[in-house]
Amino acid sequence: MHKSFSLDLLEVGEQATIRQLDSLELPSKFYEMGLLPGAVVEIKHKAPFHGPIGLQISSSQTLIAIRKSEALHIFVEK
């Protein structure tokens, strides 16, 4: 069994599966965009100095940017 960790710990080019979201800390638009448990995401870009993280949702090929503070509430597993 793999251990889950927050999305912000992934490096550019790495893929992981979302296992859990802290729904109290994230806006509902994340769910509407497809950030749901079971979705596979890939890190496409990480801005320096704790800037936004660009990620692609594999199922829909959607490319979005989220704040690092939001990525801390999305737990993934490789």
PDB file of N, CA and C in Angstrom:
ATOM      1  N   MET A   1       0.835  -1.172   0.000  1.00  0.00           N
ATOM      2  CA  MET A   1       0.000   0.000   0.000  1.00  0.00           C
ATOM      3  C   MET A   1       0.887   1.246   0.000  1.00  0.00           C
ATOM      4  N   HIS A   2       0.523   2.230  -0.805  1.00  0.00           N
ATOM      5  CA  HIS A   2       1.286   3.459  -0.901  1.00  0.00           C
ATOM      6  C   HIS A   2       0.753   4.477   0.101  1.00  0.00           C
ATOM      7  N   LYS A   3       1.630   5.364   0.490  1.00  0.00           N
ATOM      8  CA  LYS A   3       1.232   6.417   1.418  1.00  0.00           C
ATOM      9  C   LYS A   3       0.848   7.662   0.631  1.00  0.00           C
ATOM     10  N   SER A   4      -0.236   8.309   1.017  1.00  0.00           N
ATOM     11  CA  SER A   4      -0.651   9.525   0.325  1.00  0.00           C
ATOM     12  C   SER A   4       0.062  10.732   0.928  1.00  0.00           C
ATOM     13  N   PHE A   5       0.222  11.759   0.103  1.00  0.00           N
ATOM     14  CA  PHE A   5       0.899  12.982   0.496  1.00  0.00           C
ATOM     15  C   PHE A   5       0.278  14.133  -0.284  1.00  0.00           C
ATOM     16  N   SER A   6       0.603  15.355   0.094  1.00  0.00           N
ATOM     17  CA  SER A   6      -0.030  16.507  -0.550  1.00  0.00           C
ATOM     18  C   SER A   6       0.532  16.726  -1.950  1.00  0.00           C
ATOM     19  N   LEU A   7      -0.307  17.232  -2.820  1.00  0.00           N
ATOM     20  CA  LEU A   7      -0.004  17.429  -4.231  1.00  0.00           C
ATOM     21  C   LEU A   7       1.215  18.319  -4.456  1.00  0.00           C
ATOM     22  N   ASP A   8       1.460  19.265  -3.575  1.00  0.00           N
ATOM     23  CA  ASP A   8       2.576  20.194  -3.754  1.00  0.00           C
ATOM     24  C   ASP A   8       3.946  19.528  -3.692  1.00  0.00           C
ATOM     25  N   LEU A   9       4.018  18.292  -3.195  1.00  0.00           N
ATOM     26  CA  LEU A   9       5.295  17.587  -3.088  1.00  0.00           C
ATOM     27  C   LEU A   9       5.717  16.902  -4.381  1.00  0.00           C
ATOM     28  N   LEU A  10       4.823  16.823  -5.365  1.00  0.00           N
ATOM     29  CA  LEU A  10       5.182  16.227  -6.653  1.00  0.00           C
ATOM     30  C   LEU A  10       6.101  17.163  -7.428  1.00  0.00           C
ATOM     31  N   GLU A  11       6.967  16.595  -8.236  1.00  0.00           N
ATOM     32  CA  GLU A  11       7.864  17.367  -9.096  1.00  0.00           C
ATOM     33  C   GLU A  11       7.268  17.453 -10.503  1.00  0.00           C
ATOM     34  N   VAL A  12       7.779  18.378 -11.298  1.00  0.00           N
ATOM     35  CA  VAL A  12       7.322  18.537 -12.681  1.00  0.00           C
ATOM     36  C   VAL A  12       7.523  17.226 -13.436  1.00  0.00           C
ATOM     37  N   GLY A  13       6.485  16.798 -14.149  1.00  0.00           N
ATOM     38  CA  GLY A  13       6.531  15.556 -14.920  1.00  0.00           C
ATOM     39  C   GLY A  13       6.001  14.342 -14.176  1.00  0.00           C
ATOM     40  N   GLU A  14       5.829  14.431 -12.876  1.00  0.00           N
ATOM     41  CA  GLU A  14       5.324  13.296 -12.106  1.00  0.00           C
ATOM     42  C   GLU A  14       3.806  13.215 -12.185  1.00  0.00           C
ATOM     43  N   GLN A  15       3.300  11.983 -12.161  1.00  0.00           N
ATOM     44  CA  GLN A  15       1.866  11.726 -12.162  1.00  0.00           C
ATOM     45  C   GLN A  15       1.473  11.081 -10.843  1.00  0.00           C
ATOM     46  N   ALA A  16       0.245  11.325 -10.438  1.00  0.00           N
ATOM     47  CA  ALA A  16      -0.275  10.709  -9.217  1.00  0.00           C
ATOM     48  C   ALA A  16      -1.795  10.658  -9.307  1.00  0.00           C
ATOM     49  N   THR A  17      -2.378   9.841  -8.454  1.00  0.00           N
ATOM     50  CA  THR A  17      -3.828   9.696  -8.385  1.00  0.00           C
ATOM     51  C   THR A  17      -4.335  10.400  -7.139  1.00  0.00           C
ATOM     52  N   ILE A  18      -5.368  11.203  -7.309  1.00  0.00           N
ATOM     53  CA  ILE A  18      -5.959  11.896  -6.163  1.00  0.00           C
ATOM     54  C   ILE A  18      -6.676  10.867  -5.289  1.00  0.00           C
ATOM     55  N   ARG A  19      -6.383  10.899  -4.003  1.00  0.00           N
ATOM     56  CA  ARG A  19      -7.011   9.977  -3.056  1.00  0.00           C
ATOM     57  C   ARG A  19      -8.016  10.671  -2.158  1.00  0.00           C
ATOM     58  N   GLN A  20      -7.747  11.941  -1.812  1.00  0.00           N
ATOM     59  CA  GLN A  20      -8.630  12.633  -0.878  1.00  0.00           C
ATOM     60  C   GLN A  20      -8.466  14.133  -1.060  1.00  0.00           C
ATOM     61  N   LEU A  21      -9.551  14.863  -0.866  1.00  0.00           N
ATOM     62  CA  LEU A  21      -9.531  16.323  -0.891  1.00  0.00           C
ATOM     63  C   LEU A  21     -10.134  16.820   0.409  1.00  0.00           C
ATOM     64  N   ASP A  22      -9.527  17.857   0.969  1.00  0.00           N
ATOM     65  CA  ASP A  22     -10.067  18.481   2.172  1.00  0.00           C
ATOM     66  C   ASP A  22     -11.147  19.454   1.715  1.00  0.00           C
ATOM     67  N   SER A  23     -12.378  18.973   1.633  1.00  0.00           N
ATOM     68  CA  SER A  23     -13.472  19.733   1.025  1.00  0.00           C
ATOM     69  C   SER A  23     -13.795  21.034   1.746  1.00  0.00           C
ATOM     70  N   LEU A  24     -13.439  21.156   2.995  1.00  0.00           N
ATOM     71  CA  LEU A  24     -13.720  22.394   3.724  1.00  0.00           C
ATOM     72  C   LEU A  24     -12.766  23.519   3.322  1.00  0.00           C
ATOM     73  N   GLU A  25     -11.625  23.169   2.751  1.00  0.00           N
ATOM     74  CA  GLU A  25     -10.610  24.161   2.418  1.00  0.00           C
ATOM     75  C   GLU A  25     -10.546  24.490   0.930  1.00  0.00           C
ATOM     76  N   LEU A  26     -11.256  23.744   0.098  1.00  0.00           N
ATOM     77  CA  LEU A  26     -11.163  23.938  -1.349  1.00  0.00           C
ATOM     78  C   LEU A  26     -12.473  24.446  -1.928  1.00  0.00           C
ATOM     79  N   PRO A  27     -12.383  25.325  -2.934  1.00  0.00           N
ATOM     80  CA  PRO A  27     -13.614  25.812  -3.573  1.00  0.00           C
ATOM     81  C   PRO A  27     -14.303  24.710  -4.376  1.00  0.00           C
ATOM     82  N   SER A  28     -15.611  24.818  -4.523  1.00  0.00           N
ATOM     83  CA  SER A  28     -16.376  23.801  -5.245  1.00  0.00           C
ATOM     84  C   SER A  28     -15.988  23.724  -6.719  1.00  0.00           C
ATOM     85  N   LYS A  29     -15.421  24.801  -7.265  1.00  0.00           N
ATOM     86  CA  LYS A  29     -15.025  24.772  -8.678  1.00  0.00           C
ATOM     87  C   LYS A  29     -13.984  23.690  -8.954  1.00  0.00           C
ATOM     88  N   PHE A  30     -13.208  23.288  -7.951  1.00  0.00           N
ATOM     89  CA  PHE A  30     -12.224  22.229  -8.149  1.00  0.00           C
ATOM     90  C   PHE A  30     -12.911  20.921  -8.525  1.00  0.00           C
ATOM     91  N   TYR A  31     -14.017  20.632  -7.869  1.00  0.00           N
ATOM     92  CA  TYR A  31     -14.765  19.409  -8.164  1.00  0.00           C
ATOM     93  C   TYR A  31     -15.376  19.488  -9.563  1.00  0.00           C
ATOM     94  N   GLU A  32     -15.857  20.658  -9.917  1.00  0.00           N
ATOM     95  CA  GLU A  32     -16.453  20.863 -11.238  1.00  0.00           C
ATOM     96  C   GLU A  32     -15.431  20.702 -12.353  1.00  0.00           C
ATOM     97  N   MET A  33     -14.156  21.025 -12.078  1.00  0.00           N
ATOM     98  CA  MET A  33     -13.090  20.898 -13.082  1.00  0.00           C
ATOM     99  C   MET A  33     -12.562  19.473 -13.179  1.00  0.00           C
ATOM    100  N   GLY A  34     -12.985  18.594 -12.277  1.00  0.00           N
ATOM    101  CA  GLY A  34     -12.567  17.198 -12.352  1.00  0.00           C
ATOM    102  C   GLY A  34     -11.531  16.778 -11.337  1.00  0.00           C
ATOM    103  N   LEU A  35     -11.212  17.630 -10.385  1.00  0.00           N
ATOM    104  CA  LEU A  35     -10.290  17.241  -9.315  1.00  0.00           C
ATOM    105  C   LEU A  35     -11.066  16.431  -8.287  1.00  0.00           C
ATOM    106  N   LEU A  36     -11.184  15.153  -8.553  1.00  0.00           N
ATOM    107  CA  LEU A  36     -11.975  14.242  -7.736  1.00  0.00           C
ATOM    108  C   LEU A  36     -11.130  13.039  -7.346  1.00  0.00           C
ATOM    109  N   PRO A  37     -11.460  12.373  -6.258  1.00  0.00           N
ATOM    110  CA  PRO A  37     -10.743  11.153  -5.912  1.00  0.00           C
ATOM    111  C   PRO A  37     -10.773  10.160  -7.083  1.00  0.00           C
ATOM    112  N   GLY A  38      -9.628   9.595  -7.390  1.00  0.00           N
ATOM    113  CA  GLY A  38      -9.497   8.655  -8.496  1.00  0.00           C
ATOM    114  C   GLY A  38      -8.948   9.292  -9.766  1.00  0.00           C
ATOM    115  N   ALA A  39      -8.972  10.617  -9.853  1.00  0.00           N
ATOM    116  CA  ALA A  39      -8.460  11.300 -11.044  1.00  0.00           C
ATOM    117  C   ALA A  39      -6.935  11.287 -11.036  1.00  0.00           C
ATOM    118  N   VAL A  40      -6.354  11.065 -12.215  1.00  0.00           N
ATOM    119  CA  VAL A  40      -4.903  11.076 -12.373  1.00  0.00           C
ATOM    120  C   VAL A  40      -4.493  12.469 -12.833  1.00  0.00           C
ATOM    121  N   VAL A  41      -3.504  13.042 -12.140  1.00  0.00           N
ATOM    122  CA  VAL A  41      -3.013  14.372 -12.489  1.00  0.00           C
ATOM    123  C   VAL A  41      -1.514  14.315 -12.744  1.00  0.00           C
ATOM    124  N   GLU A  42      -1.044  15.236 -13.576  1.00  0.00           N
ATOM    125  CA  GLU A  42       0.392  15.351 -13.865  1.00  0.00           C
ATOM    126  C   GLU A  42       0.810  16.800 -13.653  1.00  0.00           C
ATOM    127  N   ILE A  43       1.923  16.983 -12.962  1.00  0.00           N
ATOM    128  CA  ILE A  43       2.456  18.327 -12.734  1.00  0.00           C
ATOM    129  C   ILE A  43       3.147  18.781 -14.012  1.00  0.00           C
ATOM    130  N   LYS A  44       2.696  19.911 -14.559  1.00  0.00           N
ATOM    131  CA  LYS A  44       3.261  20.459 -15.792  1.00  0.00           C
ATOM    132  C   LYS A  44       4.204  21.625 -15.530  1.00  0.00           C
ATOM    133  N   HIS A  45       3.977  22.360 -14.429  1.00  0.00           N
ATOM    134  CA  HIS A  45       4.790  23.534 -14.144  1.00  0.00           C
ATOM    135  C   HIS A  45       4.694  23.881 -12.664  1.00  0.00           C
ATOM    136  N   LYS A  46       5.803  24.325 -12.100  1.00  0.00           N
ATOM    137  CA  LYS A  46       5.805  24.835 -10.734  1.00  0.00           C
ATOM    138  C   LYS A  46       6.520  26.184 -10.770  1.00  0.00           C
ATOM    139  N   ALA A  47       5.816  27.227 -10.439  1.00  0.00           N
ATOM    140  CA  ALA A  47       6.404  28.562 -10.423  1.00  0.00           C
ATOM    141  C   ALA A  47       7.323  28.702  -9.211  1.00  0.00           C
ATOM    142  N   PRO A  48       8.371  29.484  -9.335  1.00  0.00           N
ATOM    143  CA  PRO A  48       9.276  29.678  -8.199  1.00  0.00           C
ATOM    144  C   PRO A  48       8.627  30.497  -7.086  1.00  0.00           C
ATOM    145  N   PHE A  49       9.260  30.470  -5.923  1.00  0.00           N
ATOM    146  CA  PHE A  49       8.840  31.269  -4.774  1.00  0.00           C
ATOM    147  C   PHE A  49       7.401  30.980  -4.341  1.00  0.00           C
ATOM    148  N   HIS A  50       7.062  29.705  -4.289  1.00  0.00           N
ATOM    149  CA  HIS A  50       5.734  29.255  -3.831  1.00  0.00           C
ATOM    150  C   HIS A  50       4.600  29.780  -4.707  1.00  0.00           C
ATOM    151  N   GLY A  51       4.889  29.953  -5.987  1.00  0.00           N
ATOM    152  CA  GLY A  51       3.888  30.405  -6.944  1.00  0.00           C
ATOM    153  C   GLY A  51       2.950  29.278  -7.332  1.00  0.00           C
ATOM    154  N   PRO A  52       2.108  29.515  -8.335  1.00  0.00           N
ATOM    155  CA  PRO A  52       1.116  28.522  -8.757  1.00  0.00           C
ATOM    156  C   PRO A  52       1.737  27.231  -9.295  1.00  0.00           C
ATOM    157  N   ILE A  53       0.941  26.185  -9.238  1.00  0.00           N
ATOM    158  CA  ILE A  53       1.321  24.871  -9.770  1.00  0.00           C
ATOM    159  C   ILE A  53       0.403  24.579 -10.941  1.00  0.00           C
ATOM    160  N   GLY A  54       0.983  24.318 -12.102  1.00  0.00           N
ATOM    161  CA  GLY A  54       0.198  23.946 -13.278  1.00  0.00           C
ATOM    162  C   GLY A  54       0.068  22.446 -13.325  1.00  0.00           C
ATOM    163  N   LEU A  55      -1.150  21.956 -13.467  1.00  0.00           N
ATOM    164  CA  LEU A  55      -1.339  20.506 -13.547  1.00  0.00           C
ATOM    165  C   LEU A  55      -2.374  20.158 -14.593  1.00  0.00           C
ATOM    166  N   GLN A  56      -2.223  18.950 -15.109  1.00  0.00           N
ATOM    167  CA  GLN A  56      -3.137  18.456 -16.135  1.00  0.00           C
ATOM    168  C   GLN A  56      -3.918  17.286 -15.568  1.00  0.00           C
ATOM    169  N   ILE A  57      -5.225  17.336 -15.762  1.00  0.00           N
ATOM    170  CA  ILE A  57      -6.102  16.244 -15.342  1.00  0.00           C
ATOM    171  C   ILE A  57      -6.197  15.288 -16.519  1.00  0.00           C
ATOM    172  N   SER A  58      -5.689  14.084 -16.356  1.00  0.00           N
ATOM    173  CA  SER A  58      -5.539  13.144 -17.476  1.00  0.00           C
ATOM    174  C   SER A  58      -6.852  12.768 -18.150  1.00  0.00           C
ATOM    175  N   SER A  59      -7.909  12.570 -17.391  1.00  0.00           N
ATOM    176  CA  SER A  59      -9.158  12.087 -17.982  1.00  0.00           C
ATOM    177  C   SER A  59      -9.763  13.078 -18.971  1.00  0.00           C
ATOM    178  N   SER A  60      -9.604  14.370 -18.720  1.00  0.00           N
ATOM    179  CA  SER A  60     -10.211  15.376 -19.593  1.00  0.00           C
ATOM    180  C   SER A  60      -9.177  16.215 -20.345  1.00  0.00           C
ATOM    181  N   GLN A  61      -7.902  15.965 -20.078  1.00  0.00           N
ATOM    182  CA  GLN A  61      -6.812  16.746 -20.672  1.00  0.00           C
ATOM    183  C   GLN A  61      -6.918  18.223 -20.310  1.00  0.00           C
ATOM    184  N   THR A  62      -7.567  18.527 -19.191  1.00  0.00           N
ATOM    185  CA  THR A  62      -7.721  19.899 -18.722  1.00  0.00           C
ATOM    186  C   THR A  62      -6.437  20.355 -18.047  1.00  0.00           C
ATOM    187  N   LEU A  63      -5.975  21.543 -18.393  1.00  0.00           N
ATOM    188  CA  LEU A  63      -4.784  22.128 -17.793  1.00  0.00           C
ATOM    189  C   LEU A  63      -5.230  23.289 -16.908  1.00  0.00           C
ATOM    190  N   ILE A  64      -4.885  23.228 -15.618  1.00  0.00           N
ATOM    191  CA  ILE A  64      -5.281  24.281 -14.685  1.00  0.00           C
ATOM    192  C   ILE A  64      -4.086  24.691 -13.834  1.00  0.00           C
ATOM    193  N   ALA A  65      -4.206  25.839 -13.205  1.00  0.00           N
ATOM    194  CA  ALA A  65      -3.202  26.306 -12.252  1.00  0.00           C
ATOM    195  C   ALA A  65      -3.883  26.503 -10.907  1.00  0.00           C
ATOM    196  N   ILE A  66      -3.221  26.018  -9.861  1.00  0.00           N
ATOM    197  CA  ILE A  66      -3.760  26.179  -8.520  1.00  0.00           C
ATOM    198  C   ILE A  66      -2.683  26.766  -7.614  1.00  0.00           C
ATOM    199  N   ARG A  67      -3.102  27.394  -6.554  1.00  0.00           N
ATOM    200  CA  ARG A  67      -2.163  27.936  -5.575  1.00  0.00           C
ATOM    201  C   ARG A  67      -1.520  26.801  -4.781  1.00  0.00           C
ATOM    202  N   LYS A  68      -0.304  27.047  -4.319  1.00  0.00           N
ATOM    203  CA  LYS A  68       0.344  26.048  -3.481  1.00  0.00           C
ATOM    204  C   LYS A  68      -0.476  25.818  -2.215  1.00  0.00           C
ATOM    205  N   SER A  69      -1.075  26.873  -1.675  1.00  0.00           N
ATOM    206  CA  SER A  69      -1.891  26.732  -0.467  1.00  0.00           C
ATOM    207  C   SER A  69      -3.095  25.827  -0.705  1.00  0.00           C
ATOM    208  N   GLU A  70      -3.582  25.768  -1.946  1.00  0.00           N
ATOM    209  CA  GLU A  70      -4.687  24.862  -2.278  1.00  0.00           C
ATOM    210  C   GLU A  70      -4.173  23.441  -2.478  1.00  0.00           C
ATOM    211  N   ALA A  71      -2.989  23.314  -3.077  1.00  0.00           N
ATOM    212  CA  ALA A  71      -2.403  21.989  -3.321  1.00  0.00           C
ATOM    213  C   ALA A  71      -2.128  21.254  -2.019  1.00  0.00           C
ATOM    214  N   LEU A  72      -1.931  21.983  -0.942  1.00  0.00           N
ATOM    215  CA  LEU A  72      -1.678  21.358   0.369  1.00  0.00           C
ATOM    216  C   LEU A  72      -2.884  20.560   0.869  1.00  0.00           C
ATOM    217  N   HIS A  73      -4.069  20.824   0.306  1.00  0.00           N
ATOM    218  CA  HIS A  73      -5.300  20.163   0.750  1.00  0.00           C
ATOM    219  C   HIS A  73      -5.772  19.071  -0.209  1.00  0.00           C
ATOM    220  N   ILE A  74      -4.925  18.739  -1.197  1.00  0.00           N
ATOM    221  CA  ILE A  74      -5.228  17.670  -2.146  1.00  0.00           C
ATOM    222  C   ILE A  74      -4.204  16.563  -1.903  1.00  0.00           C
ATOM    223  N   PHE A  75      -4.677  15.406  -1.525  1.00  0.00           N
ATOM    224  CA  PHE A  75      -3.776  14.309  -1.178  1.00  0.00           C
ATOM    225  C   PHE A  75      -3.757  13.279  -2.309  1.00  0.00           C
ATOM    226  N   VAL A  76      -2.543  12.909  -2.715  1.00  0.00           N
ATOM    227  CA  VAL A  76      -2.362  12.025  -3.859  1.00  0.00           C
ATOM    228  C   VAL A  76      -1.523  10.813  -3.486  1.00  0.00           C
ATOM    229  N   GLU A  77      -1.498   9.865  -4.388  1.00  0.00           N
ATOM    230  CA  GLU A  77      -0.715   8.630  -4.232  1.00  0.00           C
ATOM    231  C   GLU A  77      -0.123   8.290  -5.588  1.00  0.00           C
ATOM    232  N   LYS A  78       1.162   7.936  -5.601  1.00  0.00           N
ATOM    233  CA  LYS A  78       1.807   7.559  -6.873  1.00  0.00           C
ATOM    234  C   LYS A  78       1.403   6.176  -7.282  1.00  0.00           C
TER     235      LYS A  78
END
